[in-house]
C-alpha atoms as a PDB file:
ATOM      1  CA  MET A   1      -1.360   6.428 -23.973  1.00  0.00           C
ATOM      2  CA  GLU A   2       1.780   4.341 -24.503  1.00  0.00           C
ATOM      3  CA  ALA A   3       3.286   5.657 -21.264  1.00  0.00           C
ATOM      4  CA  ILE A   4       0.103   4.797 -19.349  1.00  0.00           C
ATOM      5  CA  LEU A   5       0.107   1.260 -20.735  1.00  0.00           C
ATOM      6  CA  LYS A   6       3.769   0.819 -19.770  1.00  0.00           C
ATOM      7  CA  HIS A   7       3.019   1.886 -16.213  1.00  0.00           C
ATOM      8  CA  GLU A   8       0.021  -0.434 -15.964  1.00  0.00           C
ATOM      9  CA  THR A   9       2.014  -3.355 -17.349  1.00  0.00           C
ATOM     10  CA  PHE A  10       4.764  -2.693 -14.827  1.00  0.00           C
ATOM     11  CA  LEU A  11       2.274  -2.562 -11.938  1.00  0.00           C
ATOM     12  CA  GLU A  12       0.603  -5.769 -13.122  1.00  0.00           C
ATOM     13  CA  ARG A  13       3.928  -7.606 -13.311  1.00  0.00           C
ATOM     14  CA  LEU A  14       4.953  -6.256  -9.929  1.00  0.00           C
ATOM     15  CA  GLU A  15       1.661  -7.356  -8.366  1.00  0.00           C
ATOM     16  CA  ALA A  16       1.995 -10.826  -9.894  1.00  0.00           C
ATOM     17  CA  ASP A  17       5.503 -11.098  -8.429  1.00  0.00           C
ATOM     18  CA  LEU A  18       4.345 -10.072  -4.973  1.00  0.00           C
ATOM     19  CA  ARG A  19       1.483 -12.547  -4.994  1.00  0.00           C
ATOM     20  CA  ALA A  20       3.646 -15.412  -6.218  1.00  0.00           C
ATOM     21  CA  ARG A  21       6.948 -14.728  -4.444  1.00  0.00           C
ATOM     22  CA  GLY A  22       6.187 -12.301  -1.635  1.00  0.00           C
ATOM     23  CA  GLY A  23       8.621  -9.801  -3.113  1.00  0.00           C
ATOM     24  CA  ALA A  24       9.649  -8.144  -6.352  1.00  0.00           C
ATOM     25  CA  SER A  25      12.072  -9.928  -8.649  1.00  0.00           C
ATOM     26  CA  GLN A  26      15.042  -7.981  -9.919  1.00  0.00           C
ATOM     27  CA  ASN A  27      13.855  -8.453 -13.503  1.00  0.00           C
ATOM     28  CA  VAL A  28      10.666  -6.577 -12.695  1.00  0.00           C
ATOM     29  CA  CYS A  29      12.534  -4.015 -10.622  1.00  0.00           C
ATOM     30  CA  ARG A  30      14.770  -3.206 -13.572  1.00  0.00           C
ATOM     31  CA  GLU A  31      11.701  -2.373 -15.643  1.00  0.00           C
ATOM     32  CA  PHE A  32      11.147   0.639 -13.412  1.00  0.00           C
ATOM     33  CA  GLY A  33      14.103   2.393 -15.020  1.00  0.00           C
ATOM     34  CA  SER A  34      12.459   2.171 -18.434  1.00  0.00           C
ATOM     35  CA  LEU A  35       9.485   4.181 -17.205  1.00  0.00           C
ATOM     36  CA  GLY A  36      11.544   7.363 -16.864  1.00  0.00           C
ATOM     37  CA  ASP A  37      10.627   9.762 -14.099  1.00  0.00           C
ATOM     38  CA  THR A  38       6.885   9.871 -14.733  1.00  0.00           C
ATOM     39  CA  SER A  39       5.863   6.832 -12.711  1.00  0.00           C
ATOM     40  CA  PRO A  40       3.253   7.449  -9.985  1.00  0.00           C
ATOM     41  CA  VAL A  41       5.094   4.905  -7.830  1.00  0.00           C
ATOM     42  CA  PRO A  42       7.531   6.592  -5.412  1.00  0.00           C
ATOM     43  CA  VAL A  43      10.992   5.028  -5.288  1.00  0.00           C
ATOM     44  CA  SER A  44      10.413   4.408  -1.565  1.00  0.00           C
ATOM     45  CA  VAL A  45       7.524   2.097  -2.478  1.00  0.00           C
ATOM     46  CA  LEU A  46       9.776   0.139  -4.833  1.00  0.00           C
ATOM     47  CA  THR A  47      12.269  -0.268  -1.992  1.00  0.00           C
ATOM     48  CA  PHE A  48       9.466  -1.343   0.344  1.00  0.00           C
ATOM     49  CA  VAL A  49       8.335  -4.153  -1.967  1.00  0.00           C
ATOM     50  CA  GLY A  50      11.837  -5.486  -2.465  1.00  0.00           C
ATOM     51  CA  CYS A  51      13.585  -3.453  -5.187  1.00  0.00           C
ATOM     52  CA  LYS A  52      16.732  -2.724  -3.223  1.00  0.00           C
ATOM     53  CA  ASP A  53      18.849  -0.852  -5.754  1.00  0.00           C
ATOM     54  CA  GLN A  54      17.374   1.755  -8.041  1.00  0.00           C
ATOM     55  CA  PRO A  55      20.374   3.863  -9.089  1.00  0.00           C
ATOM     56  CA  GLY A  56      19.357   7.194 -10.514  1.00  0.00           C
ATOM     57  CA  ALA A  57      15.660   6.437 -10.094  1.00  0.00           C
ATOM     58  CA  GLN A  58      13.523   9.416  -9.309  1.00  0.00           C
ATOM     59  CA  GLN A  59       9.953  10.614  -9.516  1.00  0.00           C
ATOM     60  CA  SER A  60       8.944  13.937 -11.007  1.00  0.00           C
ATOM     61  CA  VAL A  61       5.182  13.456 -10.958  1.00  0.00           C
ATOM     62  CA  THR A  62       3.589  16.274  -8.981  1.00  0.00           C
ATOM     63  CA  ALA A  63       0.024  16.236 -10.336  1.00  0.00           C
ATOM     64  CA  LYS A  64      -2.521  14.398  -8.205  1.00  0.00           C
ATOM     65  CA  VAL A  65      -2.507  10.689  -9.002  1.00  0.00           C
ATOM     66  CA  PRO A  66      -6.014   9.271  -9.624  1.00  0.00           C
ATOM     67  CA  ARG A  67      -7.390   7.315  -6.698  1.00  0.00           C
ATOM     68  CA  PRO A  68      -7.536   3.911  -8.464  1.00  0.00           C
ATOM     69  CA  CYS A  69      -3.807   4.156  -9.134  1.00  0.00           C
ATOM     70  CA  ARG A  70      -3.091   5.285  -5.554  1.00  0.00           C
ATOM     71  CA  LEU A  71      -5.038   2.298  -4.232  1.00  0.00           C
ATOM     72  CA  TRP A  72      -3.070   0.031  -6.547  1.00  0.00           C
ATOM     73  CA  VAL A  73       0.202   1.328  -5.126  1.00  0.00           C
ATOM     74  CA  ALA A  74      -1.080   0.799  -1.572  1.00  0.00           C
ATOM     75  CA  ARG A  75      -2.240  -2.703  -2.494  1.00  0.00           C
ATOM     76  CA  LEU A  76       1.270  -3.583  -3.654  1.00  0.00           C
ATOM     77  CA  MET A  77       2.611  -2.742  -0.211  1.00  0.00           C
ATOM     78  CA  TRP A  78      -0.080  -4.821   1.512  1.00  0.00           C
ATOM     79  CA  LEU A  79       0.836  -7.753  -0.715  1.00  0.00           C
ATOM     80  CA  ARG A  80       4.438  -7.378   0.407  1.00  0.00           C
ATOM     81  CA  LEU A  81       3.214  -7.842   3.991  1.00  0.00           C
ATOM     82  CA  GLY A  82       1.178 -10.903   3.034  1.00  0.00           C
ATOM     83  CA  ALA A  83      -2.199  -9.335   3.787  1.00  0.00           C
ATOM     84  CA  HIS A  84      -3.721 -11.568   1.103  1.00  0.00           C
ATOM     85  CA  THR A  85      -2.712 -14.638   3.114  1.00  0.00           C
ATOM     86  CA  ALA A  86      -3.812 -16.053   6.459  1.00  0.00           C
ATOM     87  CA  THR A  87      -0.431 -15.161   7.976  1.00  0.00           C
ATOM     88  CA  PRO A  88       0.425 -11.520   7.318  1.00  0.00           C
ATOM     89  CA  ALA A  89       3.687 -10.348   8.903  1.00  0.00           C
ATOM     90  CA  TRP A  90       4.509  -6.805   9.967  1.00  0.00           C
ATOM     91  CA  SER A  91       5.953  -4.626  12.682  1.00  0.00           C
ATOM     92  CA  SER A  92       4.967  -1.183  13.932  1.00  0.00           C
ATOM     93  CA  PHE A  93       8.004   0.283  12.177  1.00  0.00           C
ATOM     94  CA  VAL A  94       7.100  -1.375   8.866  1.00  0.00           C
ATOM     95  CA  LEU A  95       3.543  -0.061   9.082  1.00  0.00           C
ATOM     96  CA  GLU A  96       4.865   3.429   9.759  1.00  0.00           C
ATOM     97  CA  GLN A  97       6.978   3.150   6.620  1.00  0.00           C
ATOM     98  CA  MET A  98       3.998   2.020   4.617  1.00  0.00           C
ATOM     99  CA  PHE A  99       1.827   4.867   5.849  1.00  0.00           C
ATOM    100  CA  ALA A 100       4.564   7.378   4.973  1.00  0.00           C
ATOM    101  CA  ASN A 101       4.917   5.854   1.501  1.00  0.00           C
ATOM    102  CA  THR A 102       1.160   6.077   0.979  1.00  0.00           C
ATOM    103  CA  MET A 103       1.281   9.788   1.729  1.00  0.00           C
ATOM    104  CA  MET A 104       4.200  10.288  -0.673  1.00  0.00           C
ATOM    105  CA  VAL A 105       2.090   9.391  -3.718  1.00  0.00           C
ATOM    106  CA  PRO A 106       1.005  12.766  -5.186  1.00  0.00           C
ATOM    107  CA  GLY A 107      -2.518  13.426  -3.961  1.00  0.00           C
ATOM    108  CA  GLY A 108      -2.335  10.483  -1.587  1.00  0.00           C
ATOM    109  CA  GLU A 109      -4.361  10.357   1.603  1.00  0.00           C
ATOM    110  CA  ILE A 110      -3.912   7.981   4.494  1.00  0.00           C
ATOM    111  CA  GLY A 111      -7.337   6.527   3.840  1.00  0.00           C
ATOM    112  CA  ASP A 112      -5.884   4.948   0.698  1.00  0.00           C
ATOM    113  CA  ALA A 113      -4.050   2.467   2.923  1.00  0.00           C
ATOM    114  CA  ILE A 114      -7.239   1.438   4.741  1.00  0.00           C
ATOM    115  CA  VAL A 115      -9.363   1.155   1.602  1.00  0.00           C
ATOM    116  CA  ALA A 116      -6.646  -0.861  -0.151  1.00  0.00           C
ATOM    117  CA  LEU A 117      -6.452  -3.199   2.859  1.00  0.00           C
ATOM    118  CA  HIS A 118     -10.188  -3.689   2.660  1.00  0.00           C
ATOM    119  CA  GLU A 119      -9.864  -4.624  -1.023  1.00  0.00           C
ATOM    120  CA  ILE A 120      -7.206  -7.203  -0.168  1.00  0.00           C
ATOM    121  CA  LEU A 121      -9.244  -8.682   2.678  1.00  0.00           C
ATOM    122  CA  ARG A 122     -12.223  -9.198   0.389  1.00  0.00           C
ATOM    123  CA  GLU A 123     -10.163 -11.767  -1.495  1.00  0.00           C
ATOM    124  CA  HIS A 124     -10.132 -14.108   1.482  1.00  0.00           C
ATOM    125  CA  THR A 125     -12.457 -17.062   1.077  1.00  0.00           C
ATOM    126  CA  GLU A 126     -12.564 -17.987   4.768  1.00  0.00           C
ATOM    127  CA  ALA A 127     -13.249 -16.122   7.972  1.00  0.00           C
ATOM    128  CA  LEU A 128     -10.436 -13.787   8.923  1.00  0.00           C
ATOM    129  CA  GLY A 129      -8.295 -14.880  11.842  1.00  0.00           C
ATOM    130  CA  GLU A 130      -6.925 -13.145  14.904  1.00  0.00           C
ATOM    131  CA  THR A 131      -3.653 -12.223  13.182  1.00  0.00           C
ATOM    132  CA  THR A 132      -5.491 -10.383  10.426  1.00  0.00           C
ATOM    133  CA  ALA A 133      -7.787  -8.721  12.957  1.00  0.00           C
ATOM    134  CA  ASN A 134      -4.703  -7.423  14.771  1.00  0.00           C
ATOM    135  CA  LEU A 135      -3.358  -6.061  11.492  1.00  0.00           C
ATOM    136  CA  ILE A 136      -6.626  -4.220  10.882  1.00  0.00           C
ATOM    137  CA  ARG A 137      -6.538  -2.793  14.384  1.00  0.00           C
ATOM    138  CA  GLU A 138      -2.940  -1.595  14.170  1.00  0.00           C
ATOM    139  CA  THR A 139      -3.573  -0.119  10.737  1.00  0.00           C
ATOM    140  CA  VAL A 140      -6.591   1.910  11.715  1.00  0.00           C
ATOM    141  CA  VAL A 141      -5.152   3.091  15.006  1.00  0.00           C
ATOM    142  CA  GLY A 142      -1.768   3.841  13.412  1.00  0.00           C
ATOM    143  CA  THR A 143      -3.196   5.842  10.544  1.00  0.00           C
ATOM    144  CA  PHE A 144      -5.451   7.730  12.943  1.00  0.00           C
ATOM    145  CA  THR A 145      -2.696   8.661  15.384  1.00  0.00           C
ATOM    146  CA  GLN A 146       0.148   9.290  12.936  1.00  0.00           C
ATOM    147  CA  HIS A 147      -1.753  11.056  10.160  1.00  0.00           C
ATOM    148  CA  ARG A 148      -4.812  12.471  11.906  1.00  0.00           C
ATOM    149  CA  THR A 149      -5.392  15.412   9.549  1.00  0.00           C
ATOM    150  CA  SER A 150      -5.328  13.214   6.455  1.00  0.00           C
ATOM    151  CA  TYR A 151      -7.372  10.542   8.248  1.00  0.00           C
ATOM    152  CA  ASP A 152     -10.116  13.038   9.052  1.00  0.00           C
ATOM    153  CA  ALA A 153     -10.152  14.221   5.425  1.00  0.00           C
ATOM    154  CA  SER A 154     -10.212  10.715   3.916  1.00  0.00           C
ATOM    155  CA  ASP A 155     -13.276   9.397   2.147  1.00  0.00           C
ATOM    156  CA  PHE A 156     -14.470   6.187   3.817  1.00  0.00           C
ATOM    157  CA  SER A 157     -18.102   6.487   2.718  1.00  0.00           C
ATOM    158  CA  GLY A 158     -18.063   3.575   0.288  1.00  0.00           C
ATOM    159  CA  LEU A 159     -16.221   1.299   2.686  1.00  0.00           C
ATOM    160  CA  THR A 160     -18.399   1.949   5.719  1.00  0.00           C
ATOM    161  CA  GLY A 161     -21.569   1.895   3.655  1.00  0.00           C
ATOM    162  CA  GLU A 162     -20.824  -1.580   2.327  1.00  0.00           C
ATOM    163  CA  LEU A 163     -19.686  -3.084   5.600  1.00  0.00           C
ATOM    164  CA  ALA A 164     -22.458  -1.531   7.683  1.00  0.00           C
ATOM    165  CA  ASP A 165     -24.964  -3.740   5.859  1.00  0.00           C
ATOM    166  CA  PRO A 166     -25.182  -7.087   7.725  1.00  0.00           C
ATOM    167  CA  ALA A 167     -26.380  -8.749   4.510  1.00  0.00           C
ATOM    168  CA  SER A 168     -23.362  -7.662   2.475  1.00  0.00           C
ATOM    169  CA  ARG A 169     -21.212 -10.389   0.940  1.00  0.00           C
ATOM    170  CA  PRO A 170     -18.001  -9.386   2.790  1.00  0.00           C
ATOM    171  CA  LEU A 171     -19.678  -9.736   6.187  1.00  0.00           C
ATOM    172  CA  GLN A 172     -21.365 -12.993   5.241  1.00  0.00           C
ATOM    173  CA  THR A 173     -18.013 -14.437   4.144  1.00  0.00           C
ATOM    174  CA  HIS A 174     -15.608 -12.995   6.664  1.00  0.00           C
ATOM    175  CA  GLY A 175     -17.650 -12.362   9.778  1.00  0.00           C
ATOM    176  CA  ALA A 176     -16.417 -10.177  12.626  1.00  0.00           C
ATOM    177  CA  GLY A 177     -12.853 -10.032  11.318  1.00  0.00           C
ATOM    178  CA  LEU A 178     -13.860  -7.635   8.567  1.00  0.00           C
ATOM    179  CA  ALA A 179     -16.744  -6.070  10.461  1.00  0.00           C
ATOM    180  CA  ILE A 180     -14.324  -4.448  12.882  1.00  0.00           C
ATOM    181  CA  ILE A 181     -13.194  -1.997  10.207  1.00  0.00           C
ATOM    182  CA  PRO A 182     -16.276   0.280  10.280  1.00  0.00           C
ATOM    183  CA  ALA A 183     -16.474  -0.086  14.043  1.00  0.00           C
ATOM    184  CA  VAL A 184     -12.966   1.241  14.450  1.00  0.00           C
ATOM    185  CA  LEU A 185     -13.477   3.932  11.831  1.00  0.00           C
ATOM    186  CA  ARG A 186     -16.292   5.268  13.993  1.00  0.00           C
ATOM    187  CA  ARG A 187     -14.221   5.322  17.187  1.00  0.00           C
ATOM    188  CA  PRO A 188     -10.556   4.444  16.668  1.00  0.00           C
ATOM    189  CA  THR A 189      -9.586   5.893  20.044  1.00  0.00           C
ATOM    190  CA  GLY A 190     -11.220   2.906  21.702  1.00  0.00           C
ATOM    191  CA  TRP A 191      -8.178   0.772  20.960  1.00  0.00           C
ATOM    192  CA  MET A 192      -5.623   3.315  22.090  1.00  0.00           C
ATOM    193  CA  PHE A 193      -6.239   2.561  25.720  1.00  0.00           C
ATOM    194  CA  GLY A 194      -6.256  -1.230  25.705  1.00  0.00           C
ATOM    195  CA  SER A 195      -9.991  -1.764  25.296  1.00  0.00           C
ATOM    196  CA  GLU A 196     -11.469  -4.810  23.624  1.00  0.00           C
ATOM    197  CA  CYS A 197     -12.325  -4.820  19.914  1.00  0.00           C
ATOM    198  CA  PRO A 198     -15.285  -2.500  19.412  1.00  0.00           C
ATOM    199  CA  SER A 199     -18.499  -4.170  18.417  1.00  0.00           C
END
């Protein structure tokens, strides 16, 4: 129990750093060493969120990490990219790194990245803009093309069920920006050939 609480405290402090500063502070990064080698967070994720030097850090966890924890790890990476803001910043290479990191979490599936993005987008209090819509598009198409087997096996039932309802709070708040997620999940190939956003 103590080890679990230490991990949760570390993740909470890391998330607070990312929301406030856009990156992990070295004080928080150093806490990772105190967790030993049982953290569900791969070292590559720590590097991704801004912990540059983790000498001797390693991960020995091989058992499947519970989905809530996997989504938390994915959320940390989205926060690093500013997905909780109106001006997220990314590149195709950075997204590829994030997708690979998502799959490195024991038991991870590529759908974790999409579901975690959805959770972040629900925090927005205004309609989502074109920049965020482009991030959604590149995420869904990238996960589909780069990790097709895991994509096909991912569980999107809760996400599509909620967003398919026109009366749901996310659609009422965010409009078409968030509605494109289930549309693309149904036919992600539509964007691979330069078509317009599916409706």
